[in-house]
Amino acid sequence: MMPEISVVISAHNPHPDRFGRALQGLLRQTLLPRRWELVLVDNASWPPIDFAALAHRFENIVPIREERLGLAFGRLAGIQRSRAGILVFIDDDNVVGPDYLQNSLAIFHRHPGLGLGGGKSLPEWESGDPEAWVRESYGNLALRDLGDHELLASLSTPRVYPACAPIGAGMIARRGAIQGWVSRCAGDAVLTGRRGSELASGEDCDIVLSALQDGWSVGYFPELSLIHLIASARVTREYLSRLNYGIAKSWIQVLARHGIYPWPPAAPWSVPFRKARAYFRCRVWDGPAEYVRWKGACGQFDGRAEIPTSEGHPGRAY
């Protein structure tokens, strides 16, 4: 029997407890197991994920090993092996609500023009609520709650990234809406996303912009809710500054890839001066939030310096 939904998880050295809870969330789904499949991608983990042990718990598991490190590579491998017309992307630290898959089918049935969707991503902190300054980084930690009303958006003029566009955690997708992104990723043209300890990002925004440019709408649906398990190590100044840097730099790459890059390229020689000026503008000495903000500015400058001009040289036009 052909599954109606393919759940794709790409995992690299997953934390045993958080990964276990993510899998337990799938075992509690109200949608019968015969109606969906779990496409589990071991993205170059060491030691490898024990698929044999998981096969005793999931009758519908499709195990894959992907040696190219990067979240986008893992997702691409999962998409290629999946069979359903609807896909749900879950991270190895996401615990989806028991009706997540059932609601996903209902949403796509209600909205035939919908390509991608998402919902609430609520935190569960490993060591209790973090310090107040961390709140500014909630978006970078893939946390969000846009309220209890459905929101829809399509490509606008001027082209603006929709506030209700789904994040990667818990994204639901119609196969036809992600095929354009898959095709654009042929060869080496891949924004890899997370790569082990490297905190690059952007693959989810790349998927969204590809779908929008192909004429699909995107949306936020409050009935889709998951718990994002946040490790204590992810709410430190060091981690969040690296994360903000990687996201800011990747965002430049995404916008340039889709031809909606709004800034002039930055000459490489100017980047140290820009960073120094931003250091004082952000008042880094005031606290960790200011330091994280400054690292985001540094990521943007480095990203702008790598954008080729019409002559093909990084930053020469500015």
C-alpha atoms as a PDB file:
ATOM      1  CA  MET A   1       0.000   0.000   0.000  1.00  0.00           C
ATOM      2  CA  MET A   2       1.337   3.399  -0.990  1.00  0.00           C
ATOM      3  CA  PRO A   3       1.760   5.690   2.060  1.00  0.00           C
ATOM      4  CA  GLU A   4      -0.076   9.005   2.148  1.00  0.00           C
ATOM      5  CA  ILE A   5       2.664  10.759   4.123  1.00  0.00           C
ATOM      6  CA  SER A   6       6.429  10.355   4.233  1.00  0.00           C
ATOM      7  CA  VAL A   7       8.033  11.605   7.445  1.00  0.00           C
ATOM      8  CA  VAL A   8      11.663  12.531   6.719  1.00  0.00           C
ATOM      9  CA  ILE A   9      14.175  12.786   9.561  1.00  0.00           C
ATOM     10  CA  SER A  10      17.815  13.543   8.813  1.00  0.00           C
ATOM     11  CA  ALA A  11      19.935  12.840  11.897  1.00  0.00           C
ATOM     12  CA  HIS A  12      23.638  13.410  12.490  1.00  0.00           C
ATOM     13  CA  ASN A  13      24.957  11.969  15.762  1.00  0.00           C
ATOM     14  CA  PRO A  14      21.568  12.431  17.438  1.00  0.00           C
ATOM     15  CA  HIS A  15      21.396  12.785  21.219  1.00  0.00           C
ATOM     16  CA  PRO A  16      19.930   9.475  22.450  1.00  0.00           C
ATOM     17  CA  ASP A  17      17.348  10.943  24.833  1.00  0.00           C
ATOM     18  CA  ARG A  18      16.120  13.718  22.547  1.00  0.00           C
ATOM     19  CA  PHE A  19      16.083  11.409  19.535  1.00  0.00           C
ATOM     20  CA  GLY A  20      14.184   8.816  21.530  1.00  0.00           C
ATOM     21  CA  ARG A  21      11.519  11.338  22.467  1.00  0.00           C
ATOM     22  CA  ALA A  22      11.212  12.479  18.851  1.00  0.00           C
ATOM     23  CA  LEU A  23      10.609   8.890  17.760  1.00  0.00           C
ATOM     24  CA  GLN A  24       8.157   8.341  20.612  1.00  0.00           C
ATOM     25  CA  GLY A  25       6.147  11.305  19.342  1.00  0.00           C
ATOM     26  CA  LEU A  26       5.794   9.562  16.012  1.00  0.00           C
ATOM     27  CA  LEU A  27       4.733   6.300  17.645  1.00  0.00           C
ATOM     28  CA  ARG A  28       1.840   8.171  19.277  1.00  0.00           C
ATOM     29  CA  GLN A  29       0.386   9.448  15.999  1.00  0.00           C
ATOM     30  CA  THR A  30      -3.358   9.023  15.495  1.00  0.00           C
ATOM     31  CA  LEU A  31      -2.784   8.317  11.794  1.00  0.00           C
ATOM     32  CA  LEU A  32      -2.460   4.563  11.338  1.00  0.00           C
ATOM     33  CA  PRO A  33       1.105   3.375  10.629  1.00  0.00           C
ATOM     34  CA  ARG A  34       0.054   1.760   7.354  1.00  0.00           C
ATOM     35  CA  ARG A  35      -0.865   5.241   6.044  1.00  0.00           C
ATOM     36  CA  TRP A  36       2.590   6.759   6.530  1.00  0.00           C
ATOM     37  CA  GLU A  37       6.276   5.849   6.349  1.00  0.00           C
ATOM     38  CA  LEU A  38       9.289   6.972   8.363  1.00  0.00           C
ATOM     39  CA  VAL A  39      12.216   7.790   6.081  1.00  0.00           C
ATOM     40  CA  LEU A  40      15.118   7.947   8.539  1.00  0.00           C
ATOM     41  CA  VAL A  41      18.373   9.287   7.132  1.00  0.00           C
ATOM     42  CA  ASP A  42      21.583   8.613   9.015  1.00  0.00           C
ATOM     43  CA  ASN A  43      23.601  11.630   7.877  1.00  0.00           C
ATOM     44  CA  ALA A  44      27.171  10.417   8.417  1.00  0.00           C
ATOM     45  CA  SER A  45      26.665   9.610  12.113  1.00  0.00           C
ATOM     46  CA  TRP A  46      29.393   7.840  14.050  1.00  0.00           C
ATOM     47  CA  PRO A  47      28.666   5.356  15.396  1.00  0.00           C
ATOM     48  CA  PRO A  48      25.977   4.701  12.805  1.00  0.00           C
ATOM     49  CA  ILE A  49      22.335   4.703  13.842  1.00  0.00           C
ATOM     50  CA  ASP A  50      21.148   1.215  14.826  1.00  0.00           C
ATOM     51  CA  PHE A  51      18.416   0.715  12.229  1.00  0.00           C
ATOM     52  CA  ALA A  52      17.912  -2.914  13.238  1.00  0.00           C
ATOM     53  CA  ALA A  53      16.802  -1.893  16.727  1.00  0.00           C
ATOM     54  CA  LEU A  54      14.402   0.697  15.353  1.00  0.00           C
ATOM     55  CA  ALA A  55      12.836  -1.767  12.918  1.00  0.00           C
ATOM     56  CA  HIS A  56      11.284  -3.564  15.894  1.00  0.00           C
ATOM     57  CA  ARG A  57       9.421  -0.357  16.822  1.00  0.00           C
ATOM     58  CA  PHE A  58       8.544   0.988  13.355  1.00  0.00           C
ATOM     59  CA  GLU A  59       7.005  -1.390  10.852  1.00  0.00           C
ATOM     60  CA  ASN A  60       7.028   1.441   8.318  1.00  0.00           C
ATOM     61  CA  ILE A  61      10.692   2.530   8.544  1.00  0.00           C
ATOM     62  CA  VAL A  62      12.813   3.230   5.452  1.00  0.00           C
ATOM     63  CA  PRO A  63      16.493   3.363   6.550  1.00  0.00           C
ATOM     64  CA  ILE A  64      19.040   5.400   4.568  1.00  0.00           C
ATOM     65  CA  ARG A  65      22.722   6.202   5.053  1.00  0.00           C
ATOM     66  CA  GLU A  66      23.880   9.513   3.504  1.00  0.00           C
ATOM     67  CA  GLU A  67      27.626  10.131   3.731  1.00  0.00           C
ATOM     68  CA  ARG A  68      27.582  13.730   2.460  1.00  0.00           C
ATOM     69  CA  LEU A  69      27.383  15.780   5.630  1.00  0.00           C
ATOM     70  CA  GLY A  70      24.749  18.496   5.664  1.00  0.00           C
ATOM     71  CA  LEU A  71      21.057  18.788   6.513  1.00  0.00           C
ATOM     72  CA  ALA A  72      20.136  19.558   2.911  1.00  0.00           C
ATOM     73  CA  PHE A  73      21.946  16.438   1.669  1.00  0.00           C
ATOM     74  CA  GLY A  74      20.093  14.380   4.259  1.00  0.00           C
ATOM     75  CA  ARG A  75      16.740  15.806   3.254  1.00  0.00           C
ATOM     76  CA  LEU A  76      17.451  15.340  -0.438  1.00  0.00           C
ATOM     77  CA  ALA A  77      18.291  11.683   0.174  1.00  0.00           C
ATOM     78  CA  GLY A  78      15.079  11.284   2.164  1.00  0.00           C
ATOM     79  CA  ILE A  79      12.962  12.934  -0.522  1.00  0.00           C
ATOM     80  CA  GLN A  80      14.427  10.741  -3.231  1.00  0.00           C
ATOM     81  CA  ARG A  81      13.656   7.540  -1.311  1.00  0.00           C
ATOM     82  CA  SER A  82      10.214   8.620  -0.073  1.00  0.00           C
ATOM     83  CA  ARG A  83       7.045   7.516  -1.829  1.00  0.00           C
ATOM     84  CA  ALA A  84       4.166   9.683  -0.588  1.00  0.00           C
ATOM     85  CA  GLY A  85       2.759  12.815  -2.154  1.00  0.00           C
ATOM     86  CA  ILE A  86       2.928  14.637   1.190  1.00  0.00           C
ATOM     87  CA  LEU A  87       6.176  14.993   3.144  1.00  0.00           C
ATOM     88  CA  VAL A  88       6.776  16.093   6.727  1.00  0.00           C
ATOM     89  CA  PHE A  89      10.274  17.171   7.771  1.00  0.00           C
ATOM     90  CA  ILE A  90      11.050  16.602  11.445  1.00  0.00           C
ATOM     91  CA  ASP A  91      14.357  17.193  13.215  1.00  0.00           C
ATOM     92  CA  ASP A  92      15.796  14.675  15.651  1.00  0.00           C
ATOM     93  CA  ASP A  93      14.936  16.952  18.605  1.00  0.00           C
ATOM     94  CA  ASN A  94      11.297  17.648  17.621  1.00  0.00           C
ATOM     95  CA  VAL A  95       8.368  15.997  19.413  1.00  0.00           C
ATOM     96  CA  VAL A  96       5.306  16.432  17.221  1.00  0.00           C
ATOM     97  CA  GLY A  97       1.795  16.415  18.618  1.00  0.00           C
ATOM     98  CA  PRO A  98      -0.181  13.157  18.247  1.00  0.00           C
ATOM     99  CA  ASP A  99      -2.423  14.579  15.501  1.00  0.00           C
ATOM    100  CA  TYR A 100       0.380  16.199  13.480  1.00  0.00           C
ATOM    101  CA  LEU A 101       0.191  13.805  10.529  1.00  0.00           C
ATOM    102  CA  GLN A 102      -3.605  13.655  10.537  1.00  0.00           C
ATOM    103  CA  ASN A 103      -3.800  17.447  10.552  1.00  0.00           C
ATOM    104  CA  SER A 104      -1.248  17.680   7.745  1.00  0.00           C
ATOM    105  CA  LEU A 105      -3.450  15.633   5.432  1.00  0.00           C
ATOM    106  CA  ALA A 106      -6.500  17.717   6.324  1.00  0.00           C
ATOM    107  CA  ILE A 107      -4.666  20.993   5.670  1.00  0.00           C
ATOM    108  CA  PHE A 108      -3.561  19.985   2.185  1.00  0.00           C
ATOM    109  CA  HIS A 109      -7.075  18.719   1.427  1.00  0.00           C
ATOM    110  CA  ARG A 110      -8.503  22.143   2.391  1.00  0.00           C
ATOM    111  CA  HIS A 111      -5.919  24.103   0.405  1.00  0.00           C
ATOM    112  CA  PRO A 112      -5.201  22.586  -3.023  1.00  0.00           C
ATOM    113  CA  GLY A 113      -2.827  25.462  -3.929  1.00  0.00           C
ATOM    114  CA  LEU A 114      -0.780  25.125  -0.762  1.00  0.00           C
ATOM    115  CA  GLY A 115       2.780  23.990  -1.303  1.00  0.00           C
ATOM    116  CA  LEU A 116       4.359  24.268   2.143  1.00  0.00           C
ATOM    117  CA  GLY A 117       3.112  24.750   5.674  1.00  0.00           C
ATOM    118  CA  GLY A 118       4.159  24.813   9.285  1.00  0.00           C
ATOM    119  CA  GLY A 119       2.865  25.622  12.724  1.00  0.00           C
ATOM    120  CA  LYS A 120       3.953  26.202  16.289  1.00  0.00           C
ATOM    121  CA  SER A 121       7.414  25.252  17.525  1.00  0.00           C
ATOM    122  CA  LEU A 122       7.421  25.583  21.306  1.00  0.00           C
ATOM    123  CA  PRO A 123      10.464  25.180  23.543  1.00  0.00           C
ATOM    124  CA  GLU A 124      11.245  22.688  26.238  1.00  0.00           C
ATOM    125  CA  TRP A 125      14.428  23.853  27.945  1.00  0.00           C
ATOM    126  CA  GLU A 126      16.807  21.206  29.243  1.00  0.00           C
ATOM    127  CA  SER A 127      17.804  23.281  32.297  1.00  0.00           C
ATOM    128  CA  GLY A 128      14.760  25.451  32.913  1.00  0.00           C
ATOM    129  CA  ASP A 129      13.947  28.825  31.404  1.00  0.00           C
ATOM    130  CA  PRO A 130      17.025  30.597  30.002  1.00  0.00           C
ATOM    131  CA  GLU A 131      18.110  34.124  30.865  1.00  0.00           C
ATOM    132  CA  ALA A 132      15.958  36.940  29.500  1.00  0.00           C
ATOM    133  CA  TRP A 133      18.503  38.030  26.874  1.00  0.00           C
ATOM    134  CA  VAL A 134      18.108  34.704  25.045  1.00  0.00           C
ATOM    135  CA  ARG A 135      14.562  35.646  23.993  1.00  0.00           C
ATOM    136  CA  GLU A 136      15.980  37.743  21.166  1.00  0.00           C
ATOM    137  CA  SER A 137      17.396  34.543  19.651  1.00  0.00           C
ATOM    138  CA  TYR A 138      14.199  32.470  19.776  1.00  0.00           C
ATOM    139  CA  GLY A 139      13.708  32.756  16.026  1.00  0.00           C
ATOM    140  CA  ASN A 140      17.232  31.531  15.346  1.00  0.00           C
ATOM    141  CA  LEU A 141      16.535  28.558  17.622  1.00  0.00           C
ATOM    142  CA  ALA A 142      13.593  27.590  15.365  1.00  0.00           C
ATOM    143  CA  LEU A 143      11.009  28.622  17.965  1.00  0.00           C
ATOM    144  CA  ARG A 144       7.824  30.407  17.039  1.00  0.00           C
ATOM    145  CA  ASP A 145       4.188  30.903  17.840  1.00  0.00           C
ATOM    146  CA  LEU A 146       2.245  33.145  15.453  1.00  0.00           C
ATOM    147  CA  GLY A 147      -1.023  32.766  17.330  1.00  0.00           C
ATOM    148  CA  ASP A 148      -4.155  30.719  16.842  1.00  0.00           C
ATOM    149  CA  HIS A 149      -5.273  31.877  13.412  1.00  0.00           C
ATOM    150  CA  GLU A 150      -4.435  30.375  10.033  1.00  0.00           C
ATOM    151  CA  LEU A 151      -2.184  32.515   7.815  1.00  0.00           C
ATOM    152  CA  LEU A 152      -1.531  32.141   4.084  1.00  0.00           C
ATOM    153  CA  ALA A 153       0.824  33.943   1.696  1.00  0.00           C
ATOM    154  CA  SER A 154       2.054  33.792  -1.877  1.00  0.00           C
ATOM    155  CA  LEU A 155       4.806  35.576  -3.773  1.00  0.00           C
ATOM    156  CA  SER A 156       4.331  39.352  -3.567  1.00  0.00           C
ATOM    157  CA  THR A 157       5.594  42.311  -5.545  1.00  0.00           C
ATOM    158  CA  PRO A 158       8.010  43.604  -4.394  1.00  0.00           C
ATOM    159  CA  ARG A 159       9.096  40.139  -3.359  1.00  0.00           C
ATOM    160  CA  VAL A 160       9.090  39.922   0.412  1.00  0.00           C
ATOM    161  CA  TYR A 161       9.760  36.781   2.418  1.00  0.00           C
ATOM    162  CA  PRO A 162       6.409  35.970   4.097  1.00  0.00           C
ATOM    163  CA  ALA A 163       6.301  36.130   7.883  1.00  0.00           C
ATOM    164  CA  CYS A 164       4.084  33.028   7.905  1.00  0.00           C
ATOM    165  CA  ALA A 165       6.481  30.936   5.805  1.00  0.00           C
ATOM    166  CA  PRO A 166       7.292  27.624   7.513  1.00  0.00           C
ATOM    167  CA  ILE A 167      10.557  26.944   9.271  1.00  0.00           C
ATOM    168  CA  GLY A 168      12.405  23.698   8.619  1.00  0.00           C
ATOM    169  CA  ALA A 169      11.340  22.067  11.895  1.00  0.00           C
ATOM    170  CA  GLY A 170       7.964  20.466  11.263  1.00  0.00           C
ATOM    171  CA  MET A 171       7.621  21.723   7.683  1.00  0.00           C
ATOM    172  CA  ILE A 172       4.917  19.968   5.674  1.00  0.00           C
ATOM    173  CA  ALA A 173       5.297  19.893   1.912  1.00  0.00           C
ATOM    174  CA  ARG A 174       3.453  18.805  -1.177  1.00  0.00           C
ATOM    175  CA  ARG A 175       5.837  16.798  -3.343  1.00  0.00           C
ATOM    176  CA  GLY A 176       5.151  18.941  -6.381  1.00  0.00           C
ATOM    177  CA  ALA A 177       6.075  22.062  -4.443  1.00  0.00           C
ATOM    178  CA  ILE A 178       9.551  20.854  -3.469  1.00  0.00           C
ATOM    179  CA  GLN A 179      10.425  19.298  -6.808  1.00  0.00           C
ATOM    180  CA  GLY A 180      11.695  22.638  -8.097  1.00  0.00           C
ATOM    181  CA  TRP A 181      14.099  22.885  -5.147  1.00  0.00           C
ATOM    182  CA  VAL A 182      15.267  19.308  -5.699  1.00  0.00           C
ATOM    183  CA  SER A 183      15.950  20.074  -9.364  1.00  0.00           C
ATOM    184  CA  ARG A 184      17.827  23.278  -8.493  1.00  0.00           C
ATOM    185  CA  CYS A 185      20.031  21.255  -6.149  1.00  0.00           C
ATOM    186  CA  ALA A 186      21.311  19.056  -8.954  1.00  0.00           C
ATOM    187  CA  GLY A 187      25.077  18.771  -8.965  1.00  0.00           C
ATOM    188  CA  ASP A 188      26.758  20.872  -6.304  1.00  0.00           C
ATOM    189  CA  ALA A 189      24.257  23.743  -6.251  1.00  0.00           C
ATOM    190  CA  VAL A 190      23.186  22.961  -2.678  1.00  0.00           C
ATOM    191  CA  LEU A 191      22.938  25.238   0.346  1.00  0.00           C
ATOM    192  CA  THR A 192      23.936  22.491   2.741  1.00  0.00           C
ATOM    193  CA  GLY A 193      22.398  23.829   5.954  1.00  0.00           C
ATOM    194  CA  ARG A 194      23.779  22.443   9.205  1.00  0.00           C
ATOM    195  CA  ARG A 195      27.016  20.492   8.744  1.00  0.00           C
ATOM    196  CA  GLY A 196      28.028  18.851  12.005  1.00  0.00           C
ATOM    197  CA  SER A 197      29.385  21.629  14.213  1.00  0.00           C
ATOM    198  CA  GLU A 198      29.114  24.187  11.391  1.00  0.00           C
ATOM    199  CA  LEU A 199      26.038  26.348  11.977  1.00  0.00           C
ATOM    200  CA  ALA A 200      25.220  27.329   8.423  1.00  0.00           C
ATOM    201  CA  SER A 201      21.538  27.611   7.610  1.00  0.00           C
ATOM    202  CA  GLY A 202      19.269  28.679   4.779  1.00  0.00           C
ATOM    203  CA  GLU A 203      18.144  25.403   3.233  1.00  0.00           C
ATOM    204  CA  ASP A 204      14.592  25.818   4.592  1.00  0.00           C
ATOM    205  CA  CYS A 205      14.348  29.385   3.233  1.00  0.00           C
ATOM    206  CA  ASP A 206      15.716  28.113  -0.075  1.00  0.00           C
ATOM    207  CA  ILE A 207      12.906  25.533  -0.198  1.00  0.00           C
ATOM    208  CA  VAL A 208      10.285  28.198   0.622  1.00  0.00           C
ATOM    209  CA  LEU A 209      11.484  30.682  -2.016  1.00  0.00           C
ATOM    210  CA  SER A 210      11.694  27.942  -4.642  1.00  0.00           C
ATOM    211  CA  ALA A 211       8.082  26.933  -3.959  1.00  0.00           C
ATOM    212  CA  LEU A 212       6.857  30.537  -3.992  1.00  0.00           C
ATOM    213  CA  GLN A 213       8.610  31.259  -7.278  1.00  0.00           C
ATOM    214  CA  ASP A 214       6.988  28.141  -8.742  1.00  0.00           C
ATOM    215  CA  GLY A 215       3.551  29.558  -7.914  1.00  0.00           C
ATOM    216  CA  TRP A 216       2.701  27.720  -4.684  1.00  0.00           C
ATOM    217  CA  SER A 217       1.365  29.362  -1.547  1.00  0.00           C
ATOM    218  CA  VAL A 218       2.746  28.813   1.950  1.00  0.00           C
ATOM    219  CA  GLY A 219       1.016  28.964   5.302  1.00  0.00           C
ATOM    220  CA  TYR A 220       0.956  28.822   9.081  1.00  0.00           C
ATOM    221  CA  PHE A 221      -1.498  26.452  10.751  1.00  0.00           C
ATOM    222  CA  PRO A 222      -1.838  26.554  14.554  1.00  0.00           C
ATOM    223  CA  GLU A 223      -3.138  22.984  14.746  1.00  0.00           C
ATOM    224  CA  LEU A 224       0.369  21.850  13.764  1.00  0.00           C
ATOM    225  CA  SER A 225       2.305  21.953  17.020  1.00  0.00           C
ATOM    226  CA  LEU A 226       5.608  20.462  18.111  1.00  0.00           C
ATOM    227  CA  ILE A 227       7.918  20.677  21.094  1.00  0.00           C
ATOM    228  CA  HIS A 228      11.497  21.640  20.301  1.00  0.00           C
ATOM    229  CA  LEU A 229      13.879  20.138  22.859  1.00  0.00           C
ATOM    230  CA  ILE A 230      16.578  22.752  23.522  1.00  0.00           C
ATOM    231  CA  ALA A 231      19.845  21.567  25.053  1.00  0.00           C
ATOM    232  CA  SER A 232      21.532  23.791  27.626  1.00  0.00           C
ATOM    233  CA  ALA A 233      24.572  24.184  25.369  1.00  0.00           C
ATOM    234  CA  ARG A 234      22.402  25.962  22.812  1.00  0.00           C
ATOM    235  CA  VAL A 235      21.523  28.935  25.012  1.00  0.00           C
ATOM    236  CA  THR A 236      25.063  30.141  25.687  1.00  0.00           C
ATOM    237  CA  ARG A 237      26.575  33.321  24.288  1.00  0.00           C
ATOM    238  CA  GLU A 238      29.136  31.297  22.359  1.00  0.00           C
ATOM    239  CA  TYR A 239      26.643  29.034  20.635  1.00  0.00           C
ATOM    240  CA  LEU A 240      24.086  31.732  19.841  1.00  0.00           C
ATOM    241  CA  SER A 241      26.738  34.051  18.431  1.00  0.00           C
ATOM    242  CA  ARG A 242      27.979  31.303  16.108  1.00  0.00           C
ATOM    243  CA  LEU A 243      24.409  30.520  15.161  1.00  0.00           C
ATOM    244  CA  ASN A 244      23.547  34.145  14.400  1.00  0.00           C
ATOM    245  CA  TYR A 245      26.701  34.505  12.309  1.00  0.00           C
ATOM    246  CA  GLY A 246      25.891  31.385  10.281  1.00  0.00           C
ATOM    247  CA  ILE A 247      22.248  32.331   9.738  1.00  0.00           C
ATOM    248  CA  ALA A 248      23.071  35.900   8.691  1.00  0.00           C
ATOM    249  CA  LYS A 249      25.699  34.756   6.199  1.00  0.00           C
ATOM    250  CA  SER A 250      23.442  32.016   4.808  1.00  0.00           C
ATOM    251  CA  TRP A 251      20.567  34.465   4.388  1.00  0.00           C
ATOM    252  CA  ILE A 252      22.712  36.530   2.028  1.00  0.00           C
ATOM    253  CA  GLN A 253      23.442  33.397   0.003  1.00  0.00           C
ATOM    254  CA  VAL A 254      19.749  32.479  -0.192  1.00  0.00           C
ATOM    255  CA  LEU A 255      18.670  35.929  -1.356  1.00  0.00           C
ATOM    256  CA  ALA A 256      21.422  36.073  -3.962  1.00  0.00           C
ATOM    257  CA  ARG A 257      20.477  32.608  -5.207  1.00  0.00           C
ATOM    258  CA  HIS A 258      16.925  33.789  -5.855  1.00  0.00           C
ATOM    259  CA  GLY A 259      17.790  37.163  -7.322  1.00  0.00           C
ATOM    260  CA  ILE A 260      16.281  39.230  -4.501  1.00  0.00           C
ATOM    261  CA  TYR A 261      19.505  40.355  -2.847  1.00  0.00           C
ATOM    262  CA  PRO A 262      18.843  44.017  -1.779  1.00  0.00           C
ATOM    263  CA  TRP A 263      22.361  45.189  -0.798  1.00  0.00           C
ATOM    264  CA  PRO A 264      25.390  46.018  -2.908  1.00  0.00           C
ATOM    265  CA  PRO A 265      28.287  43.572  -2.589  1.00  0.00           C
ATOM    266  CA  ALA A 266      30.903  44.540  -0.009  1.00  0.00           C
ATOM    267  CA  ALA A 267      34.523  44.824  -1.047  1.00  0.00           C
ATOM    268  CA  PRO A 268      36.554  42.220   0.897  1.00  0.00           C
ATOM    269  CA  TRP A 269      39.066  44.872   1.991  1.00  0.00           C
ATOM    270  CA  SER A 270      36.241  46.837   3.655  1.00  0.00           C
ATOM    271  CA  VAL A 271      34.927  43.979   5.821  1.00  0.00           C
ATOM    272  CA  PRO A 272      37.295  44.431   8.810  1.00  0.00           C
ATOM    273  CA  PHE A 273      36.393  48.127   8.971  1.00  0.00           C
ATOM    274  CA  ARG A 274      32.679  47.339   8.762  1.00  0.00           C
ATOM    275  CA  LYS A 275      33.005  44.817  11.580  1.00  0.00           C
ATOM    276  CA  ALA A 276      34.913  47.284  13.745  1.00  0.00           C
ATOM    277  CA  ARG A 277      32.278  49.967  13.214  1.00  0.00           C
ATOM    278  CA  ALA A 278      29.492  47.482  13.990  1.00  0.00           C
ATOM    279  CA  TYR A 279      31.305  46.466  17.178  1.00  0.00           C
ATOM    280  CA  PHE A 280      30.828  49.951  18.578  1.00  0.00           C
ATOM    281  CA  ARG A 281      27.385  50.428  17.048  1.00  0.00           C
ATOM    282  CA  CYS A 282      26.156  47.219  18.747  1.00  0.00           C
ATOM    283  CA  ARG A 283      27.774  48.212  22.060  1.00  0.00           C
ATOM    284  CA  VAL A 284      29.166  44.707  22.471  1.00  0.00           C
ATOM    285  CA  TRP A 285      30.461  45.439  25.968  1.00  0.00           C
ATOM    286  CA  ASP A 286      26.886  45.854  27.259  1.00  0.00           C
ATOM    287  CA  GLY A 287      26.087  42.129  27.382  1.00  0.00           C
ATOM    288  CA  PRO A 288      25.635  38.794  25.577  1.00  0.00           C
ATOM    289  CA  ALA A 289      22.650  39.905  23.469  1.00  0.00           C
ATOM    290  CA  GLU A 290      24.704  42.753  22.030  1.00  0.00           C
ATOM    291  CA  TYR A 291      27.579  40.385  21.263  1.00  0.00           C
ATOM    292  CA  VAL A 292      25.226  37.957  19.494  1.00  0.00           C
ATOM    293  CA  ARG A 293      23.798  40.864  17.492  1.00  0.00           C
ATOM    294  CA  TRP A 294      27.288  41.947  16.432  1.00  0.00           C
ATOM    295  CA  LYS A 295      28.177  38.440  15.248  1.00  0.00           C
ATOM    296  CA  GLY A 296      25.083  38.513  13.051  1.00  0.00           C
ATOM    297  CA  ALA A 297      26.320  41.754  11.490  1.00  0.00           C
ATOM    298  CA  CYS A 298      29.712  40.103  10.892  1.00  0.00           C
ATOM    299  CA  GLY A 299      28.004  37.210   9.129  1.00  0.00           C
ATOM    300  CA  GLN A 300      26.168  39.600   6.847  1.00  0.00           C
ATOM    301  CA  PHE A 301      29.373  41.451   5.949  1.00  0.00           C
ATOM    302  CA  ASP A 302      31.222  38.225   5.168  1.00  0.00           C
ATOM    303  CA  GLY A 303      28.279  37.034   3.084  1.00  0.00           C
ATOM    304  CA  ARG A 304      28.148  40.290   1.125  1.00  0.00           C
ATOM    305  CA  ALA A 305      31.876  40.076   0.429  1.00  0.00           C
ATOM    306  CA  GLU A 306      31.363  36.691  -1.228  1.00  0.00           C
ATOM    307  CA  ILE A 307      28.561  37.802  -3.580  1.00  0.00           C
ATOM    308  CA  PRO A 308      29.984  38.072  -7.112  1.00  0.00           C
ATOM    309  CA  THR A 309      29.393  41.266  -9.064  1.00  0.00           C
ATOM    310  CA  SER A 310      28.386  41.388 -12.709  1.00  0.00           C
ATOM    311  CA  GLU A 311      32.104  41.124 -13.525  1.00  0.00           C
ATOM    312  CA  GLY A 312      32.282  37.874 -11.536  1.00  0.00           C
ATOM    313  CA  HIS A 313      34.556  39.182  -8.778  1.00  0.00           C
ATOM    314  CA  PRO A 314      33.517  39.255  -5.106  1.00  0.00           C
ATOM    315  CA  GLY A 315      32.756  42.728  -3.882  1.00  0.00           C
ATOM    316  CA  ARG A 316      34.417  44.675  -6.686  1.00  0.00           C
ATOM    317  CA  ALA A 317      31.407  46.924  -7.332  1.00  0.00           C
ATOM    318  CA  TYR A 318      31.439  48.638  -3.961  1.00  0.00           C
END
